[in-house]
């Protein structure tokens, strides 16, 4: 396990996660496609918001189960509480400050979020 620090673009929202970052998920649903997020899920005890609570705003749609957090100053989406596990944090690994996704040797799994109800039945996060 390693501690990774992350932030939004303007730096007002800063967080850290403790995880073994070996895989991420790319979802093709309407919001994830437009955000370009690569998700890595961690339990709440391994996620810590360091600063920026007041800078965060949330967006919900559809079932209103997932909470998509974003910085209200720069608009970047650093993490969410996903629909499939709303008690967890899904960190956008593209917001990790010292992590180069393109150079990392991690498995990127695809999730068919456009067909969420069917896909969730068999997907292994």
N, C-alpha and C. Protein backbone atom coordinates (compact mmCIF):
# COMPACT_ATOMS: atom_id res chain seq x y z
N UNK A 1 0.84 -1.18 0.00
CA UNK A 1 0.00 0.00 0.00
C UNK A 1 0.89 1.24 0.00
N UNK A 2 0.39 2.24 -0.69
CA UNK A 2 1.12 3.49 -0.82
C UNK A 2 0.14 4.63 -0.61
N UNK A 3 0.63 5.77 -0.14
CA UNK A 3 -0.20 6.97 0.00
C UNK A 3 -0.02 7.84 -1.24
N UNK A 4 -1.14 8.17 -1.87
CA UNK A 4 -1.15 9.05 -3.04
C UNK A 4 -1.88 10.32 -2.67
N UNK A 5 -1.34 11.44 -3.11
CA UNK A 5 -2.01 12.73 -2.91
C UNK A 5 -2.63 13.15 -4.24
N UNK A 6 -3.79 13.79 -4.13
CA UNK A 6 -4.47 14.26 -5.32
C UNK A 6 -5.11 15.60 -5.08
N UNK A 7 -5.55 16.22 -6.18
CA UNK A 7 -6.16 17.54 -6.08
C UNK A 7 -6.96 17.85 -7.33
N UNK A 8 -7.73 18.91 -7.22
CA UNK A 8 -8.40 19.45 -8.41
C UNK A 8 -7.37 20.31 -9.16
N UNK A 9 -7.77 20.96 -10.23
CA UNK A 9 -6.83 21.76 -11.02
C UNK A 9 -6.33 22.99 -10.29
N UNK A 10 -7.23 23.71 -9.59
CA UNK A 10 -6.81 24.94 -8.91
C UNK A 10 -6.16 24.68 -7.56
N UNK A 11 -6.24 23.44 -7.07
CA UNK A 11 -5.59 23.06 -5.82
C UNK A 11 -6.38 23.33 -4.56
N UNK A 12 -7.60 23.86 -4.70
CA UNK A 12 -8.39 24.12 -3.48
C UNK A 12 -8.86 22.82 -2.83
N UNK A 13 -9.14 21.80 -3.65
CA UNK A 13 -9.55 20.49 -3.13
C UNK A 13 -8.32 19.59 -3.14
N UNK A 14 -7.92 19.12 -1.98
CA UNK A 14 -6.78 18.22 -1.88
C UNK A 14 -7.17 17.02 -1.03
N UNK A 15 -6.70 15.85 -1.44
CA UNK A 15 -7.06 14.61 -0.76
C UNK A 15 -5.89 13.64 -0.83
N UNK A 16 -6.00 12.58 -0.05
CA UNK A 16 -5.03 11.50 -0.16
C UNK A 16 -5.76 10.17 -0.01
N UNK A 17 -5.18 9.16 -0.64
CA UNK A 17 -5.70 7.80 -0.55
C UNK A 17 -4.54 6.87 -0.25
N UNK A 18 -4.84 5.84 0.49
CA UNK A 18 -3.86 4.79 0.77
C UNK A 18 -4.38 3.55 0.07
N UNK A 19 -3.60 3.05 -0.90
CA UNK A 19 -4.09 1.93 -1.70
C UNK A 19 -2.94 1.25 -2.42
N UNK A 20 -3.21 0.07 -2.89
CA UNK A 20 -2.33 -0.63 -3.81
C UNK A 20 -2.92 -0.39 -5.19
N UNK A 21 -2.40 0.56 -5.91
CA UNK A 21 -2.99 1.00 -7.17
C UNK A 21 -2.51 0.11 -8.32
N UNK A 22 -3.25 -0.97 -8.55
CA UNK A 22 -2.90 -1.91 -9.60
C UNK A 22 -3.94 -1.97 -10.71
N UNK A 23 -5.13 -1.39 -10.45
CA UNK A 23 -6.16 -1.42 -11.47
C UNK A 23 -7.07 -0.20 -11.34
N UNK A 24 -7.70 0.11 -12.45
CA UNK A 24 -8.66 1.21 -12.52
C UNK A 24 -9.77 0.79 -13.47
N UNK A 25 -10.87 1.53 -13.42
CA UNK A 25 -12.01 1.23 -14.26
C UNK A 25 -12.35 2.43 -15.12
N UNK A 26 -12.57 2.16 -16.40
CA UNK A 26 -13.04 3.18 -17.33
C UNK A 26 -14.49 2.86 -17.66
N UNK A 27 -15.37 3.79 -17.38
CA UNK A 27 -16.80 3.60 -17.59
C UNK A 27 -17.25 4.41 -18.81
N UNK A 28 -18.16 3.86 -19.58
CA UNK A 28 -18.63 4.54 -20.79
C UNK A 28 -20.00 5.19 -20.61
N UNK A 29 -20.45 5.38 -19.35
CA UNK A 29 -21.74 6.04 -19.14
C UNK A 29 -21.63 7.51 -19.58
N UNK A 30 -22.76 8.18 -19.62
CA UNK A 30 -22.79 9.54 -20.14
C UNK A 30 -21.90 10.51 -19.37
N UNK A 31 -21.87 10.42 -18.04
CA UNK A 31 -21.07 11.38 -17.28
C UNK A 31 -19.59 11.02 -17.27
N UNK A 32 -19.26 9.74 -17.09
CA UNK A 32 -17.85 9.34 -17.04
C UNK A 32 -17.15 9.58 -18.38
N UNK A 33 -17.86 9.35 -19.48
CA UNK A 33 -17.29 9.59 -20.79
C UNK A 33 -16.94 11.06 -20.95
N UNK A 34 -17.84 11.93 -20.58
CA UNK A 34 -17.60 13.37 -20.73
C UNK A 34 -16.52 13.88 -19.77
N UNK A 35 -16.42 13.28 -18.56
CA UNK A 35 -15.40 13.70 -17.59
C UNK A 35 -14.03 13.11 -17.92
N UNK A 36 -14.02 11.97 -18.59
CA UNK A 36 -12.75 11.31 -18.86
C UNK A 36 -12.12 10.70 -17.62
N UNK A 37 -12.95 10.32 -16.67
CA UNK A 37 -12.44 9.79 -15.40
C UNK A 37 -11.96 8.35 -15.53
N UNK A 38 -10.92 8.04 -14.80
CA UNK A 38 -10.48 6.66 -14.58
C UNK A 38 -10.64 6.41 -13.09
N UNK A 39 -11.50 5.47 -12.74
CA UNK A 39 -11.90 5.25 -11.36
C UNK A 39 -11.05 4.20 -10.65
N UNK A 40 -10.75 4.50 -9.40
CA UNK A 40 -10.12 3.53 -8.50
C UNK A 40 -10.83 3.63 -7.17
N UNK A 41 -11.43 2.56 -6.74
CA UNK A 41 -12.29 2.56 -5.56
C UNK A 41 -11.49 2.25 -4.30
N UNK A 42 -11.77 3.03 -3.24
CA UNK A 42 -11.17 2.80 -1.93
C UNK A 42 -12.25 2.93 -0.85
N UNK A 43 -12.08 2.21 0.27
CA UNK A 43 -13.03 2.37 1.37
C UNK A 43 -12.79 3.71 2.08
N UNK A 44 -13.79 4.20 2.81
CA UNK A 44 -13.67 5.52 3.44
C UNK A 44 -12.51 5.66 4.42
N UNK A 45 -12.11 4.58 5.05
CA UNK A 45 -10.99 4.67 6.00
C UNK A 45 -9.65 4.86 5.29
N UNK A 46 -9.61 4.69 3.98
CA UNK A 46 -8.37 4.90 3.23
C UNK A 46 -8.44 6.14 2.34
N UNK A 47 -9.44 6.97 2.56
CA UNK A 47 -9.61 8.24 1.85
C UNK A 47 -9.62 9.36 2.87
N UNK A 48 -8.90 10.44 2.59
CA UNK A 48 -8.90 11.58 3.50
C UNK A 48 -8.94 12.87 2.70
N UNK A 49 -9.96 13.67 2.95
CA UNK A 49 -10.03 15.01 2.36
C UNK A 49 -9.13 15.91 3.19
N UNK A 50 -8.08 16.44 2.59
CA UNK A 50 -7.11 17.25 3.31
C UNK A 50 -7.53 18.71 3.39
N UNK A 51 -8.14 19.21 2.31
CA UNK A 51 -8.62 20.60 2.30
C UNK A 51 -9.63 20.76 1.16
N UNK A 52 -10.45 21.79 1.31
CA UNK A 52 -11.36 22.15 0.24
C UNK A 52 -12.81 21.72 0.40
N UNK A 53 -13.21 21.34 1.61
CA UNK A 53 -14.61 20.95 1.80
C UNK A 53 -15.56 22.03 1.29
N UNK A 54 -15.25 23.30 1.56
CA UNK A 54 -16.11 24.40 1.13
C UNK A 54 -16.08 24.62 -0.38
N UNK A 55 -15.03 24.13 -1.03
CA UNK A 55 -14.91 24.29 -2.48
C UNK A 55 -15.63 23.20 -3.25
N UNK A 56 -16.06 22.15 -2.55
CA UNK A 56 -16.72 21.03 -3.21
C UNK A 56 -18.21 21.28 -3.43
N UNK A 57 -18.66 20.82 -4.56
CA UNK A 57 -20.09 20.80 -4.85
C UNK A 57 -20.39 19.42 -5.40
N UNK A 58 -21.65 19.07 -5.44
CA UNK A 58 -22.00 17.73 -5.90
C UNK A 58 -23.03 17.78 -7.01
N UNK A 59 -23.01 16.72 -7.81
CA UNK A 59 -23.97 16.55 -8.88
C UNK A 59 -24.53 15.14 -8.80
N UNK A 60 -25.84 15.02 -8.93
CA UNK A 60 -26.50 13.72 -8.94
C UNK A 60 -27.51 13.70 -10.07
N UNK A 61 -27.74 12.53 -10.62
CA UNK A 61 -28.74 12.37 -11.67
C UNK A 61 -29.26 10.95 -11.64
N UNK A 62 -30.20 10.64 -12.49
CA UNK A 62 -30.73 9.29 -12.59
C UNK A 62 -31.28 8.81 -11.26
N UNK A 63 -30.71 7.74 -10.73
CA UNK A 63 -31.18 7.15 -9.47
C UNK A 63 -30.83 8.02 -8.26
N UNK A 64 -29.98 9.00 -8.45
CA UNK A 64 -29.49 9.89 -7.39
C UNK A 64 -28.80 9.13 -6.25
N UNK A 65 -28.24 7.99 -6.58
CA UNK A 65 -27.48 7.21 -5.60
C UNK A 65 -26.02 7.67 -5.58
N UNK A 66 -25.43 7.81 -6.74
CA UNK A 66 -24.04 8.25 -6.83
C UNK A 66 -23.95 9.75 -6.53
N UNK A 67 -22.85 10.13 -5.91
CA UNK A 67 -22.56 11.55 -5.70
C UNK A 67 -21.27 11.86 -6.45
N UNK A 68 -21.38 12.72 -7.43
CA UNK A 68 -20.23 13.15 -8.23
C UNK A 68 -19.74 14.48 -7.66
N UNK A 69 -18.59 14.45 -7.00
CA UNK A 69 -18.03 15.64 -6.38
C UNK A 69 -17.15 16.39 -7.37
N UNK A 70 -17.24 17.73 -7.36
CA UNK A 70 -16.39 18.53 -8.21
C UNK A 70 -16.05 19.84 -7.51
N UNK A 71 -14.95 20.44 -7.93
CA UNK A 71 -14.53 21.73 -7.38
C UNK A 71 -15.37 22.81 -8.05
N UNK A 72 -16.04 23.64 -7.25
CA UNK A 72 -16.90 24.67 -7.82
C UNK A 72 -16.11 25.85 -8.36
N UNK A 73 -14.79 25.84 -8.19
CA UNK A 73 -13.95 26.90 -8.73
C UNK A 73 -13.36 26.54 -10.08
N UNK A 74 -12.82 25.33 -10.20
CA UNK A 74 -12.18 24.95 -11.48
C UNK A 74 -12.97 23.89 -12.25
N UNK A 75 -13.97 23.28 -11.61
CA UNK A 75 -14.83 22.32 -12.30
C UNK A 75 -14.31 20.90 -12.39
N UNK A 76 -13.16 20.62 -11.82
CA UNK A 76 -12.57 19.29 -11.93
C UNK A 76 -13.25 18.32 -10.96
N UNK A 77 -13.41 17.07 -11.43
CA UNK A 77 -14.06 16.00 -10.68
C UNK A 77 -12.98 15.07 -10.10
N UNK A 78 -12.59 15.26 -8.83
CA UNK A 78 -11.52 14.43 -8.28
C UNK A 78 -11.97 13.08 -7.72
N UNK A 79 -13.24 12.97 -7.30
CA UNK A 79 -13.71 11.71 -6.73
C UNK A 79 -15.23 11.69 -6.70
N UNK A 80 -15.76 10.51 -6.42
CA UNK A 80 -17.22 10.34 -6.31
C UNK A 80 -17.52 9.26 -5.29
N UNK A 81 -18.78 9.15 -4.95
CA UNK A 81 -19.29 8.00 -4.21
C UNK A 81 -20.14 7.26 -5.24
N UNK A 82 -19.67 6.12 -5.74
CA UNK A 82 -20.30 5.49 -6.90
C UNK A 82 -21.64 4.81 -6.60
N UNK A 83 -22.44 4.73 -7.61
CA UNK A 83 -23.76 4.09 -7.50
C UNK A 83 -23.65 2.64 -7.04
N UNK A 84 -22.65 1.92 -7.53
CA UNK A 84 -22.50 0.50 -7.19
C UNK A 84 -22.05 0.29 -5.75
N UNK A 85 -21.45 1.31 -5.14
CA UNK A 85 -20.97 1.21 -3.75
C UNK A 85 -20.91 2.62 -3.16
N UNK A 86 -22.06 3.20 -2.82
CA UNK A 86 -22.10 4.59 -2.38
C UNK A 86 -21.37 4.88 -1.07
N UNK A 87 -21.02 3.85 -0.33
CA UNK A 87 -20.25 4.04 0.91
C UNK A 87 -18.75 4.12 0.64
N UNK A 88 -18.33 3.87 -0.59
CA UNK A 88 -16.92 3.89 -0.97
C UNK A 88 -16.59 5.21 -1.68
N UNK A 89 -15.31 5.42 -1.93
CA UNK A 89 -14.86 6.56 -2.74
C UNK A 89 -14.26 6.02 -4.02
N UNK A 90 -14.66 6.61 -5.11
CA UNK A 90 -14.09 6.29 -6.41
C UNK A 90 -13.22 7.49 -6.80
N UNK A 91 -11.93 7.32 -6.69
CA UNK A 91 -10.98 8.40 -6.96
C UNK A 91 -10.68 8.43 -8.45
N UNK A 92 -10.71 9.61 -9.02
CA UNK A 92 -10.30 9.79 -10.41
C UNK A 92 -8.78 9.81 -10.41
N UNK A 93 -8.16 8.71 -10.87
CA UNK A 93 -6.70 8.63 -10.77
C UNK A 93 -6.00 9.67 -11.64
N UNK A 94 -6.71 10.28 -12.56
CA UNK A 94 -6.12 11.37 -13.34
C UNK A 94 -5.94 12.62 -12.50
N UNK A 95 -6.49 12.64 -11.28
CA UNK A 95 -6.32 13.76 -10.36
C UNK A 95 -5.23 13.50 -9.32
N UNK A 96 -4.57 12.36 -9.39
CA UNK A 96 -3.46 12.10 -8.48
C UNK A 96 -2.26 12.93 -8.92
N UNK A 97 -1.64 13.64 -8.00
CA UNK A 97 -0.61 14.62 -8.35
C UNK A 97 0.69 14.03 -8.87
N UNK A 98 1.16 12.95 -8.29
CA UNK A 98 2.44 12.38 -8.71
C UNK A 98 2.26 10.98 -9.28
N UNK A 99 1.26 10.82 -10.11
CA UNK A 99 0.97 9.52 -10.71
C UNK A 99 0.72 9.73 -12.20
N UNK A 100 1.53 9.11 -13.02
CA UNK A 100 1.37 9.24 -14.47
C UNK A 100 0.65 8.01 -14.99
N UNK A 101 -0.62 8.17 -15.24
CA UNK A 101 -1.47 7.06 -15.66
C UNK A 101 -0.91 6.35 -16.89
N UNK A 102 -0.45 7.12 -17.85
CA UNK A 102 0.04 6.54 -19.10
C UNK A 102 1.30 5.70 -18.90
N UNK A 103 2.10 6.03 -17.88
CA UNK A 103 3.34 5.30 -17.64
C UNK A 103 3.18 4.19 -16.60
N UNK A 104 2.07 4.21 -15.89
CA UNK A 104 1.86 3.23 -14.83
C UNK A 104 1.51 1.87 -15.44
N UNK A 105 1.92 0.85 -14.79
CA UNK A 105 1.62 -0.51 -15.24
C UNK A 105 0.41 -1.02 -14.45
N UNK A 106 -0.77 -0.48 -14.80
CA UNK A 106 -1.98 -0.90 -14.10
C UNK A 106 -2.98 -1.46 -15.11
N UNK A 107 -3.83 -2.32 -14.61
CA UNK A 107 -4.88 -2.90 -15.44
C UNK A 107 -6.04 -1.90 -15.49
N UNK A 108 -6.48 -1.58 -16.70
CA UNK A 108 -7.65 -0.71 -16.86
C UNK A 108 -8.77 -1.55 -17.44
N UNK A 109 -9.78 -1.76 -16.59
CA UNK A 109 -10.95 -2.55 -16.98
C UNK A 109 -12.03 -1.61 -17.51
N UNK A 110 -12.81 -2.10 -18.43
CA UNK A 110 -13.91 -1.28 -18.95
C UNK A 110 -15.22 -1.76 -18.35
N UNK A 111 -16.07 -0.79 -18.03
CA UNK A 111 -17.40 -1.07 -17.49
C UNK A 111 -18.42 -0.46 -18.43
N UNK A 112 -19.41 -1.24 -18.82
CA UNK A 112 -20.44 -0.78 -19.75
C UNK A 112 -21.53 -0.02 -18.99
N UNK A 113 -21.20 1.20 -18.60
CA UNK A 113 -22.13 2.03 -17.85
C UNK A 113 -23.34 2.48 -18.65
N UNK A 114 -23.25 2.42 -19.96
CA UNK A 114 -24.43 2.76 -20.79
C UNK A 114 -25.52 1.72 -20.61
N UNK A 115 -25.13 0.53 -20.20
CA UNK A 115 -26.06 -0.56 -19.92
C UNK A 115 -25.84 -1.01 -18.47
N UNK A 116 -25.92 -0.07 -17.56
CA UNK A 116 -25.54 -0.24 -16.17
C UNK A 116 -26.22 -1.43 -15.49
N UNK A 117 -27.51 -1.52 -15.62
CA UNK A 117 -28.27 -2.57 -14.92
C UNK A 117 -27.78 -3.97 -15.28
N UNK A 118 -27.49 -4.20 -16.54
CA UNK A 118 -26.98 -5.51 -16.96
C UNK A 118 -25.51 -5.68 -16.60
N UNK A 119 -24.72 -4.66 -16.81
CA UNK A 119 -23.27 -4.74 -16.60
C UNK A 119 -22.91 -4.99 -15.14
N UNK A 120 -23.65 -4.40 -14.22
CA UNK A 120 -23.30 -4.52 -12.80
C UNK A 120 -23.49 -5.95 -12.30
N UNK A 121 -24.30 -6.74 -12.96
CA UNK A 121 -24.57 -8.11 -12.53
C UNK A 121 -23.32 -9.00 -12.60
N UNK A 122 -22.42 -8.70 -13.52
CA UNK A 122 -21.27 -9.59 -13.74
C UNK A 122 -19.91 -8.91 -13.56
N UNK A 123 -19.88 -7.60 -13.42
CA UNK A 123 -18.61 -6.88 -13.35
C UNK A 123 -17.91 -7.09 -12.01
N UNK A 124 -16.63 -7.33 -12.04
CA UNK A 124 -15.80 -7.48 -10.84
C UNK A 124 -14.90 -6.25 -10.72
N UNK A 125 -15.14 -5.44 -9.71
CA UNK A 125 -14.35 -4.21 -9.52
C UNK A 125 -13.00 -4.53 -8.93
